[in-house]
Amino acid sequence: LNSASKAEILLIPGVGNRMLHEFEEYRPYDGLP
Protein backbone atom coordinates (compact mmCIF):
# COMPACT_ATOMS: atom_id res chain seq x y z
CA LEU A 1 0.00 0.00 0.00
CA ASN A 2 2.83 2.42 0.73
CA SER A 3 4.89 1.91 -2.41
CA ALA A 4 2.65 0.41 -5.12
CA SER A 5 2.80 2.28 -8.40
CA LYS A 6 -0.26 3.73 -10.08
CA ALA A 7 0.00 0.98 -12.69
CA GLU A 8 -0.07 -1.73 -10.02
CA ILE A 9 -3.08 -0.29 -8.20
CA LEU A 10 -5.03 0.23 -11.42
CA LEU A 11 -4.68 -3.47 -12.23
CA ILE A 12 -6.90 -4.30 -9.25
CA PRO A 13 -10.27 -5.21 -10.80
CA GLY A 14 -12.81 -2.43 -10.37
CA VAL A 15 -10.26 0.21 -9.33
CA GLY A 16 -10.24 3.36 -11.45
CA ASN A 17 -8.64 6.76 -11.10
CA ARG A 18 -10.98 7.89 -8.33
CA MET A 19 -10.20 4.93 -6.09
CA LEU A 20 -6.52 5.15 -7.02
CA HIS A 21 -6.60 8.68 -5.58
CA GLU A 22 -8.11 7.41 -2.33
CA PHE A 23 -5.52 4.63 -2.02
CA GLU A 24 -2.70 7.16 -2.39
CA GLU A 25 -4.24 9.97 -0.36
CA TYR A 26 -3.83 8.28 3.01
CA ARG A 27 -0.20 7.19 2.65
CA PRO A 28 1.79 6.25 4.59
CA TYR A 29 -0.33 3.45 6.06
CA ASP A 30 0.77 2.10 9.43
CA GLY A 31 -1.34 -1.01 8.97
CA LEU A 32 -4.39 -2.46 7.26
CA PRO A 33 -6.81 -1.15 9.91
Full PDB file with SEQRES, HELIX, SHEET, SSBOND, CRYST1, ORIGX, SCALE, CONECT and MASTER records, all heavy atoms in Angstrom:
SEQRES   1 A   33  LEU ASN SER ALA SER LYS ALA GLU ILE LEU LEU ILE PRO          
SEQRES   2 A   33  GLY VAL GLY ASN ARG MET LEU HIS GLU PHE GLU GLU TYR          
SEQRES   3 A   33  ARG PRO TYR ASP GLY LEU PRO                                  
HELIX    1 AA1 LYS A    6  LEU A   10  1                                   5    
HELIX    2 AA2 ASN A   17  GLU A   25  1                                   9    
CRYST1    1.000    1.000    1.000  90.00  90.00  90.00 P 1           1          
ORIGX1      1.000000  0.000000  0.000000        0.00000                         
ORIGX2      0.000000  1.000000  0.000000        0.00000                         
ORIGX3      0.000000  0.000000  1.000000        0.00000                         
SCALE1      1.000000  0.000000  0.000000        0.00000                         
SCALE2      0.000000  1.000000  0.000000        0.00000                         
SCALE3      0.000000  0.000000  1.000000        0.00000                         
ATOM      1  N   LEU A   1       0.807  -1.216   0.000  1.00  0.00           N  
ATOM      2  CA  LEU A   1       0.000   0.000   0.000  1.00  0.00           C  
ATOM      3  C   LEU A   1       0.841   1.268   0.000  1.00  0.00           C  
ATOM      4  O   LEU A   1       0.414   2.301  -0.516  1.00  0.00           O  
ATOM      5  CB  LEU A   1      -0.927   0.010   1.220  1.00  0.00           C  
ATOM      6  CG  LEU A   1      -2.261  -0.711   1.066  1.00  0.00           C  
ATOM      7  CD1 LEU A   1      -2.949  -0.832   2.414  1.00  0.00           C  
ATOM      8  CD2 LEU A   1      -3.151   0.016   0.065  1.00  0.00           C  
ATOM      9  N   ASN A   2       2.019   1.213   0.592  1.00  0.00           N  
ATOM     10  CA  ASN A   2       2.831   2.418   0.727  1.00  0.00           C  
ATOM     11  C   ASN A   2       3.751   2.691  -0.458  1.00  0.00           C  
ATOM     12  O   ASN A   2       4.283   3.798  -0.574  1.00  0.00           O  
ATOM     13  CB  ASN A   2       3.659   2.356   2.010  1.00  0.00           C  
ATOM     14  CG  ASN A   2       2.801   2.530   3.245  1.00  0.00           C  
ATOM     15  OD1 ASN A   2       1.838   3.291   3.230  1.00  0.00           O  
ATOM     16  ND2 ASN A   2       3.118   1.814   4.305  1.00  0.00           N  
ATOM     17  N   SER A   3       3.948   1.700  -1.313  1.00  0.00           N  
ATOM     18  CA  SER A   3       4.892   1.910  -2.413  1.00  0.00           C  
ATOM     19  C   SER A   3       4.367   1.473  -3.777  1.00  0.00           C  
ATOM     20  O   SER A   3       5.052   1.677  -4.785  1.00  0.00           O  
ATOM     21  CB  SER A   3       6.200   1.166  -2.122  1.00  0.00           C  
ATOM     22  OG  SER A   3       5.982  -0.236  -2.069  1.00  0.00           O  
ATOM     23  N   ALA A   4       3.191   0.887  -3.834  1.00  0.00           N  
ATOM     24  CA  ALA A   4       2.654   0.408  -5.118  1.00  0.00           C  
ATOM     25  C   ALA A   4       2.550   1.554  -6.114  1.00  0.00           C  
ATOM     26  O   ALA A   4       2.149   2.676  -5.771  1.00  0.00           O  
ATOM     27  CB  ALA A   4       1.290  -0.233  -4.911  1.00  0.00           C  
ATOM     28  N   SER A   5       2.912   1.269  -7.345  1.00  0.00           N  
ATOM     29  CA  SER A   5       2.804   2.276  -8.404  1.00  0.00           C  
ATOM     30  C   SER A   5       1.349   2.443  -8.824  1.00  0.00           C  
ATOM     31  O   SER A   5       0.483   1.599  -8.523  1.00  0.00           O  
ATOM     32  CB  SER A   5       3.636   1.849  -9.610  1.00  0.00           C  
ATOM     33  OG  SER A   5       3.065   0.688 -10.207  1.00  0.00           O  
ATOM     34  N   LYS A   6       1.086   3.518  -9.532  1.00  0.00           N  
ATOM     35  CA  LYS A   6      -0.257   3.732 -10.085  1.00  0.00           C  
ATOM     36  C   LYS A   6      -0.644   2.555 -10.972  1.00  0.00           C  
ATOM     37  O   LYS A   6      -1.788   2.086 -10.944  1.00  0.00           O  
ATOM     38  CB  LYS A   6      -0.310   5.038 -10.865  1.00  0.00           C  
ATOM     39  CG  LYS A   6      -0.289   6.292 -10.002  1.00  0.00           C  
ATOM     40  CD  LYS A   6      -0.295   7.541 -10.861  1.00  0.00           C  
ATOM     41  CE  LYS A   6      -0.532   8.799 -10.025  1.00  0.00           C  
ATOM     42  NZ  LYS A   6       0.466   8.987  -8.960  1.00  0.00           N  
ATOM     43  N   ALA A   7       0.292   2.084 -11.784  1.00  0.00           N  
ATOM     44  CA  ALA A   7       0.005   0.977 -12.694  1.00  0.00           C  
ATOM     45  C   ALA A   7      -0.392  -0.277 -11.935  1.00  0.00           C  
ATOM     46  O   ALA A   7      -1.302  -1.003 -12.357  1.00  0.00           O  
ATOM     47  CB  ALA A   7       1.221   0.697 -13.575  1.00  0.00           C  
ATOM     48  N   GLU A   8       0.264  -0.537 -10.816  1.00  0.00           N  
ATOM     49  CA  GLU A   8      -0.066  -1.726 -10.025  1.00  0.00           C  
ATOM     50  C   GLU A   8      -1.461  -1.612  -9.424  1.00  0.00           C  
ATOM     51  O   GLU A   8      -2.261  -2.554  -9.485  1.00  0.00           O  
ATOM     52  CB  GLU A   8       0.979  -1.911  -8.917  1.00  0.00           C  
ATOM     53  CG  GLU A   8       2.329  -2.374  -9.432  1.00  0.00           C  
ATOM     54  CD  GLU A   8       3.365  -2.477  -8.335  1.00  0.00           C  
ATOM     55  OE1 GLU A   8       3.403  -1.601  -7.446  1.00  0.00           O  
ATOM     56  OE2 GLU A   8       4.156  -3.448  -8.362  1.00  0.00           O  
ATOM     57  N   ILE A   9      -1.773  -0.470  -8.849  1.00  0.00           N  
ATOM     58  CA  ILE A   9      -3.076  -0.288  -8.204  1.00  0.00           C  
ATOM     59  C   ILE A   9      -4.209  -0.358  -9.223  1.00  0.00           C  
ATOM     60  O   ILE A   9      -5.265  -0.948  -8.974  1.00  0.00           O  
ATOM     61  CB  ILE A   9      -3.114   1.044  -7.432  1.00  0.00           C  
ATOM     62  CG1 ILE A   9      -2.095   1.011  -6.279  1.00  0.00           C  
ATOM     63  CG2 ILE A   9      -4.516   1.322  -6.881  1.00  0.00           C  
ATOM     64  CD1 ILE A   9      -1.897   2.354  -5.594  1.00  0.00           C  
ATOM     65  N   LEU A  10      -3.983   0.209 -10.401  1.00  0.00           N  
ATOM     66  CA  LEU A  10      -5.030   0.229 -11.421  1.00  0.00           C  
ATOM     67  C   LEU A  10      -5.292  -1.142 -12.031  1.00  0.00           C  
ATOM     68  O   LEU A  10      -6.297  -1.328 -12.720  1.00  0.00           O  
ATOM     69  CB  LEU A  10      -4.682   1.237 -12.513  1.00  0.00           C  
ATOM     70  CG  LEU A  10      -4.822   2.704 -12.118  1.00  0.00           C  
ATOM     71  CD1 LEU A  10      -4.233   3.610 -13.186  1.00  0.00           C  
ATOM     72  CD2 LEU A  10      -6.285   3.068 -11.846  1.00  0.00           C  
ATOM     73  N   LEU A  11      -4.421  -2.109 -11.781  1.00  0.00           N  
ATOM     74  CA  LEU A  11      -4.683  -3.474 -12.235  1.00  0.00           C  
ATOM     75  C   LEU A  11      -5.668  -4.207 -11.327  1.00  0.00           C  
ATOM     76  O   LEU A  11      -6.208  -5.247 -11.706  1.00  0.00           O  
ATOM     77  CB  LEU A  11      -3.375  -4.268 -12.321  1.00  0.00           C  
ATOM     78  CG  LEU A  11      -2.485  -3.957 -13.525  1.00  0.00           C  
ATOM     79  CD1 LEU A  11      -1.166  -4.709 -13.413  1.00  0.00           C  
ATOM     80  CD2 LEU A  11      -3.185  -4.329 -14.835  1.00  0.00           C  
ATOM     81  N   ILE A  12      -5.911  -3.683 -10.130  1.00  0.00           N  
ATOM     82  CA  ILE A  12      -6.901  -4.296  -9.249  1.00  0.00           C  
ATOM     83  C   ILE A  12      -8.273  -4.175  -9.913  1.00  0.00           C  
ATOM     84  O   ILE A  12      -8.701  -3.066 -10.245  1.00  0.00           O  
ATOM     85  CB  ILE A  12      -6.922  -3.615  -7.868  1.00  0.00           C  
ATOM     86  CG1 ILE A  12      -5.568  -3.761  -7.175  1.00  0.00           C  
ATOM     87  CG2 ILE A  12      -8.042  -4.181  -6.997  1.00  0.00           C  
ATOM     88  CD1 ILE A  12      -5.447  -2.975  -5.881  1.00  0.00           C  
ATOM     89  N   PRO A  13      -8.969  -5.290 -10.127  1.00  0.00           N  
ATOM     90  CA  PRO A  13     -10.275  -5.213 -10.796  1.00  0.00           C  
ATOM     91  C   PRO A  13     -11.219  -4.231 -10.103  1.00  0.00           C  
ATOM     92  O   PRO A  13     -11.358  -4.257  -8.874  1.00  0.00           O  
ATOM     93  CB  PRO A  13     -10.793  -6.655 -10.700  1.00  0.00           C  
ATOM     94  CG  PRO A  13      -9.550  -7.482 -10.653  1.00  0.00           C  
ATOM     95  CD  PRO A  13      -8.577  -6.682  -9.836  1.00  0.00           C  
ATOM     96  N   GLY A  14     -11.831  -3.378 -10.895  1.00  0.00           N  
ATOM     97  CA  GLY A  14     -12.806  -2.432 -10.365  1.00  0.00           C  
ATOM     98  C   GLY A  14     -12.219  -1.141  -9.848  1.00  0.00           C  
ATOM     99  O   GLY A  14     -12.969  -0.245  -9.439  1.00  0.00           O  
ATOM    100  N   VAL A  15     -10.903  -1.019  -9.823  1.00  0.00           N  
ATOM    101  CA  VAL A  15     -10.264   0.206  -9.330  1.00  0.00           C  
ATOM    102  C   VAL A  15      -9.967   1.128 -10.504  1.00  0.00           C  
ATOM    103  O   VAL A  15      -9.287   0.747 -11.457  1.00  0.00           O  
ATOM    104  CB  VAL A  15      -8.972  -0.105  -8.557  1.00  0.00           C  
ATOM    105  CG1 VAL A  15      -8.175   1.178  -8.286  1.00  0.00           C  
ATOM    106  CG2 VAL A  15      -9.299  -0.797  -7.238  1.00  0.00           C  
ATOM    107  N   GLY A  16     -10.496   2.338 -10.434  1.00  0.00           N  
ATOM    108  CA  GLY A  16     -10.239   3.356 -11.445  1.00  0.00           C  
ATOM    109  C   GLY A  16      -9.478   4.518 -10.847  1.00  0.00           C  
ATOM    110  O   GLY A  16      -8.967   4.439  -9.720  1.00  0.00           O  
ATOM    111  N   ASN A  17      -9.433   5.622 -11.552  1.00  0.00           N  
ATOM    112  CA  ASN A  17      -8.637   6.759 -11.104  1.00  0.00           C  
ATOM    113  C   ASN A  17      -9.132   7.360  -9.794  1.00  0.00           C  
ATOM    114  O   ASN A  17      -8.333   7.831  -8.986  1.00  0.00           O  
ATOM    115  CB  ASN A  17      -8.598   7.836 -12.192  1.00  0.00           C  
ATOM    116  CG  ASN A  17      -7.714   7.433 -13.356  1.00  0.00           C  
ATOM    117  OD1 ASN A  17      -6.677   6.814 -13.168  1.00  0.00           O  
ATOM    118  ND2 ASN A  17      -8.128   7.776 -14.565  1.00  0.00           N  
ATOM    119  N   ARG A  18     -10.453   7.332  -9.578  1.00  0.00           N  
ATOM    120  CA  ARG A  18     -10.979   7.894  -8.330  1.00  0.00           C  
ATOM    121  C   ARG A  18     -10.504   7.083  -7.131  1.00  0.00           C  
ATOM    122  O   ARG A  18     -10.009   7.645  -6.144  1.00  0.00           O  
ATOM    123  CB  ARG A  18     -12.512   7.929  -8.355  1.00  0.00           C  
ATOM    124  CG  ARG A  18     -13.129   8.407  -7.039  1.00  0.00           C  
ATOM    125  CD  ARG A  18     -14.644   8.428  -7.094  1.00  0.00           C  
ATOM    126  NE  ARG A  18     -15.222   8.709  -5.787  1.00  0.00           N  
ATOM    127  CZ  ARG A  18     -15.463   7.800  -4.861  1.00  0.00           C  
ATOM    128  NH1 ARG A  18     -15.168   6.519  -5.102  1.00  0.00           N  
ATOM    129  NH2 ARG A  18     -15.993   8.123  -3.698  1.00  0.00           N  
ATOM    130  N   MET A  19     -10.626   5.749  -7.212  1.00  0.00           N  
ATOM    131  CA  MET A  19     -10.200   4.931  -6.086  1.00  0.00           C  
ATOM    132  C   MET A  19      -8.681   4.920  -5.953  1.00  0.00           C  
ATOM    133  O   MET A  19      -8.144   4.852  -4.836  1.00  0.00           O  
ATOM    134  CB  MET A  19     -10.739   3.504  -6.219  1.00  0.00           C  
ATOM    135  CG  MET A  19     -10.502   2.635  -4.987  1.00  0.00           C  
ATOM    136  SD  MET A  19     -11.135   3.352  -3.433  1.00  0.00           S  
ATOM    137  CE  MET A  19     -12.901   3.281  -3.721  1.00  0.00           C  
ATOM    138  N   LEU A  20      -7.976   5.011  -7.067  1.00  0.00           N  
ATOM    139  CA  LEU A  20      -6.519   5.155  -7.016  1.00  0.00           C  
ATOM    140  C   LEU A  20      -6.154   6.363  -6.165  1.00  0.00           C  
ATOM    141  O   LEU A  20      -5.246   6.286  -5.312  1.00  0.00           O  
ATOM    142  CB  LEU A  20      -5.963   5.328  -8.432  1.00  0.00           C  
ATOM    143  CG  LEU A  20      -4.515   5.809  -8.548  1.00  0.00           C  
ATOM    144  CD1 LEU A  20      -3.548   4.769  -7.997  1.00  0.00           C  
ATOM    145  CD2 LEU A  20      -4.179   6.137 -10.006  1.00  0.00           C  
ATOM    146  N   HIS A  21      -6.847   7.471  -6.369  1.00  0.00           N  
ATOM    147  CA  HIS A  21      -6.595   8.675  -5.581  1.00  0.00           C  
ATOM    148  C   HIS A  21      -6.796   8.411  -4.089  1.00  0.00           C  
ATOM    149  O   HIS A  21      -5.985   8.847  -3.256  1.00  0.00           O  
ATOM    150  CB  HIS A  21      -7.516   9.807  -6.040  1.00  0.00           C  
ATOM    151  CG  HIS A  21      -7.478  11.010  -5.151  1.00  0.00           C  
ATOM    152  ND1 HIS A  21      -6.434  11.912  -5.149  1.00  0.00           N  
ATOM    153  CD2 HIS A  21      -8.355  11.452  -4.206  1.00  0.00           C  
ATOM    154  CE1 HIS A  21      -6.660  12.851  -4.247  1.00  0.00           C  
ATOM    155  NE2 HIS A  21      -7.823  12.596  -3.664  1.00  0.00           N  
ATOM    156  N   GLU A  22      -7.848   7.684  -3.742  1.00  0.00           N  
ATOM    157  CA  GLU A  22      -8.115   7.411  -2.329  1.00  0.00           C  
ATOM    158  C   GLU A  22      -7.036   6.500  -1.732  1.00  0.00           C  
ATOM    159  O   GLU A  22      -6.606   6.687  -0.595  1.00  0.00           O  
ATOM    160  CB  GLU A  22      -9.495   6.774  -2.155  1.00  0.00           C  
ATOM    161  CG  GLU A  22     -10.656   7.529  -2.783  1.00  0.00           C  
ATOM    162  CD  GLU A  22     -10.757   8.990  -2.369  1.00  0.00           C  
ATOM    163  OE1 GLU A  22     -10.138   9.377  -1.340  1.00  0.00           O  
ATOM    164  OE2 GLU A  22     -11.428   9.755  -3.081  1.00  0.00           O  
ATOM    165  N   PHE A  23      -6.596   5.505  -2.488  1.00  0.00           N  
ATOM    166  CA  PHE A  23      -5.522   4.626  -2.017  1.00  0.00           C  
ATOM    167  C   PHE A  23      -4.279   5.454  -1.668  1.00  0.00           C  
ATOM    168  O   PHE A  23      -3.625   5.224  -0.647  1.00  0.00           O  
ATOM    169  CB  PHE A  23      -5.144   3.608  -3.103  1.00  0.00           C  
ATOM    170  CG  PHE A  23      -5.938   2.329  -3.087  1.00  0.00           C  
ATOM    171  CD1 PHE A  23      -7.315   2.331  -3.048  1.00  0.00           C  
ATOM    172  CD2 PHE A  23      -5.293   1.108  -3.131  1.00  0.00           C  
ATOM    173  CE1 PHE A  23      -8.050   1.153  -3.061  1.00  0.00           C  
ATOM    174  CE2 PHE A  23      -5.999  -0.084  -3.128  1.00  0.00           C  
ATOM    175  CZ  PHE A  23      -7.376  -0.058  -3.093  1.00  0.00           C  
ATOM    176  N   GLU A  24      -3.943   6.393  -2.552  1.00  0.00           N  
ATOM    177  CA  GLU A  24      -2.703   7.159  -2.386  1.00  0.00           C  
ATOM    178  C   GLU A  24      -2.840   8.278  -1.368  1.00  0.00           C  
ATOM    179  O   GLU A  24      -1.851   8.658  -0.723  1.00  0.00           O  
ATOM    180  CB  GLU A  24      -2.272   7.739  -3.733  1.00  0.00           C  
ATOM    181  CG  GLU A  24      -1.879   6.683  -4.759  1.00  0.00           C  
ATOM    182  CD  GLU A  24      -1.417   7.298  -6.067  1.00  0.00           C  
ATOM    183  OE1 GLU A  24      -2.000   8.326  -6.488  1.00  0.00           O  
ATOM    184  OE2 GLU A  24      -0.477   6.759  -6.654  1.00  0.00           O  
ATOM    185  N   GLU A  25      -4.041   8.794  -1.209  1.00  0.00           N  
ATOM    186  CA  GLU A  25      -4.242   9.975  -0.363  1.00  0.00           C  
ATOM    187  C   GLU A  25      -3.829   9.741   1.088  1.00  0.00           C  
ATOM    188  O   GLU A  25      -3.326  10.666   1.749  1.00  0.00           O  
ATOM    189  CB  GLU A  25      -5.714  10.407  -0.414  1.00  0.00           C  
ATOM    190  CG  GLU A  25      -6.005  11.652   0.413  1.00  0.00           C  
ATOM    191  CD  GLU A  25      -7.448  12.100   0.327  1.00  0.00           C  
ATOM    192  OE1 GLU A  25      -8.264  11.392  -0.301  1.00  0.00           O  
ATOM    193  OE2 GLU A  25      -7.759  13.162   0.885  1.00  0.00           O  
ATOM    194  N   TYR A  26      -4.028   8.530   1.578  1.00  0.00           N  
ATOM    195  CA  TYR A  26      -3.828   8.278   3.009  1.00  0.00           C  
ATOM    196  C   TYR A  26      -2.464   7.665   3.336  1.00  0.00           C  
ATOM    197  O   TYR A  26      -2.233   7.218   4.453  1.00  0.00           O  
ATOM    198  CB  TYR A  26      -4.963   7.396   3.534  1.00  0.00           C  
ATOM    199  CG  TYR A  26      -6.311   8.056   3.374  1.00  0.00           C  
ATOM    200  CD1 TYR A  26      -7.180   7.678   2.353  1.00  0.00           C  
ATOM    201  CD2 TYR A  26      -6.696   9.104   4.198  1.00  0.00           C  
ATOM    202  CE1 TYR A  26      -8.408   8.301   2.179  1.00  0.00           C  
ATOM    203  CE2 TYR A  26      -7.919   9.737   4.038  1.00  0.00           C  
ATOM    204  CZ  TYR A  26      -8.772   9.332   3.026  1.00  0.00           C  
ATOM    205  OH  TYR A  26      -9.981   9.961   2.867  1.00  0.00           O  
ATOM    206  N   ARG A  27      -1.560   7.651   2.387  1.00  0.00           N  
ATOM    207  CA  ARG A  27      -0.201   7.190   2.654  1.00  0.00           C  
ATOM    208  C   ARG A  27       0.510   8.180   3.579  1.00  0.00           C  
ATOM    209  O   ARG A  27       0.259   9.380   3.512  1.00  0.00           O  
ATOM    210  CB  ARG A  27       0.588   7.073   1.343  1.00  0.00           C  
ATOM    211  CG  ARG A  27       0.194   5.898   0.486  1.00  0.00           C  
ATOM    212  CD  ARG A  27       0.922   5.945  -0.849  1.00  0.00           C  
ATOM    213  NE  ARG A  27       0.784   4.683  -1.572  1.00  0.00           N  
ATOM    214  CZ  ARG A  27       1.193   4.501  -2.834  1.00  0.00           C  
ATOM    215  NH1 ARG A  27       1.776   5.508  -3.489  1.00  0.00           N  
ATOM    216  NH2 ARG A  27       1.035   3.335  -3.429  1.00  0.00           N  
ATOM    217  N   PRO A  28       1.435   7.664   4.422  1.00  0.00           N  
ATOM    218  CA  PRO A  28       1.793   6.251   4.591  1.00  0.00           C  
ATOM    219  C   PRO A  28       0.813   5.543   5.523  1.00  0.00           C  
ATOM    220  O   PRO A  28       0.341   6.115   6.506  1.00  0.00           O  
ATOM    221  CB  PRO A  28       3.185   6.332   5.229  1.00  0.00           C  
ATOM    222  CG  PRO A  28       3.148   7.605   6.017  1.00  0.00           C  
ATOM    223  CD  PRO A  28       2.311   8.561   5.219  1.00  0.00           C  
ATOM    224  N   TYR A  29       0.523   4.282   5.207  1.00  0.00           N  
ATOM    225  CA  TYR A  29      -0.331   3.452   6.056  1.00  0.00           C  
ATOM    226  C   TYR A  29       0.533   2.778   7.116  1.00  0.00           C  
ATOM    227  O   TYR A  29       1.594   2.228   6.802  1.00  0.00           O  
ATOM    228  CB  TYR A  29      -1.026   2.378   5.224  1.00  0.00           C  
ATOM    229  CG  TYR A  29      -2.038   2.917   4.233  1.00  0.00           C  
ATOM    230  CD1 TYR A  29      -1.668   3.199   2.921  1.00  0.00           C  
ATOM    231  CD2 TYR A  29      -3.354   3.131   4.612  1.00  0.00           C  
ATOM    232  CE1 TYR A  29      -2.597   3.688   2.008  1.00  0.00           C  
ATOM    233  CE2 TYR A  29      -4.287   3.623   3.697  1.00  0.00           C  
ATOM    234  CZ  TYR A  29      -3.896   3.903   2.405  1.00  0.00           C  
ATOM    235  OH  TYR A  29      -4.821   4.388   1.505  1.00  0.00           O  
ATOM    236  N   ASP A  30       0.061   2.797   8.359  1.00  0.00           N  
ATOM    237  CA  ASP A  30       0.772   2.098   9.429  1.00  0.00           C  
ATOM    238  C   ASP A  30       0.233   0.688   9.642  1.00  0.00           C  
ATOM    239  O   ASP A  30       0.728  -0.055  10.485  1.00  0.00           O  
ATOM    240  CB  ASP A  30       0.718   2.881  10.746  1.00  0.00           C  
ATOM    241  CG  ASP A  30      -0.709   3.173  11.195  1.00  0.00           C  
ATOM    242  OD1 ASP A  30      -1.665   2.684  10.543  1.00  0.00           O  
ATOM    243  OD2 ASP A  30      -0.879   3.882  12.192  1.00  0.00           O  
ATOM    244  N   GLY A  31      -0.765   0.319   8.874  1.00  0.00           N  
ATOM    245  CA  GLY A  31      -1.344  -1.013   8.970  1.00  0.00           C  
ATOM    246  C   GLY A  31      -2.641  -1.078   8.190  1.00  0.00           C  
ATOM    247  O   GLY A  31      -3.195  -0.047   7.768  1.00  0.00           O  
ATOM    248  N   LEU A  32      -3.143  -2.298   7.999  1.00  0.00           N  
ATOM    249  CA  LEU A  32      -4.393  -2.461   7.257  1.00  0.00           C  
ATOM    250  C   LEU A  32      -5.603  -1.842   7.955  1.00  0.00           C  
ATOM    251  O   LEU A  32      -6.532  -1.397   7.266  1.00  0.00           O  
ATOM    252  CB  LEU A  32      -4.651  -3.947   6.992  1.00  0.00           C  
ATOM    253  CG  LEU A  32      -3.842  -4.550   5.841  1.00  0.00           C  
ATOM    254  CD1 LEU A  32      -4.277  -5.984   5.606  1.00  0.00           C  
ATOM    255  CD2 LEU A  32      -3.986  -3.755   4.560  1.00  0.00           C  
ATOM    256  N   PRO A  33      -5.653  -1.810   9.287  1.00  0.00           N  
ATOM    257  CA  PRO A  33      -6.812  -1.149   9.906  1.00  0.00           C  
ATOM    258  C   PRO A  33      -6.993   0.296   9.439  1.00  0.00           C  
ATOM    259  O   PRO A  33      -8.121   0.752   9.237  1.00  0.00           O  
ATOM    260  CB  PRO A  33      -6.493  -1.238  11.404  1.00  0.00           C  
ATOM    261  CG  PRO A  33      -5.685  -2.490  11.537  1.00  0.00           C  
ATOM    262  CD  PRO A  33      -4.832  -2.516  10.304  1.00  0.00           C  
TER     263      PRO A  33                                                      
MASTER        0    0    0    2    0    0    0    6  262    1    0    3          
END                                                                             
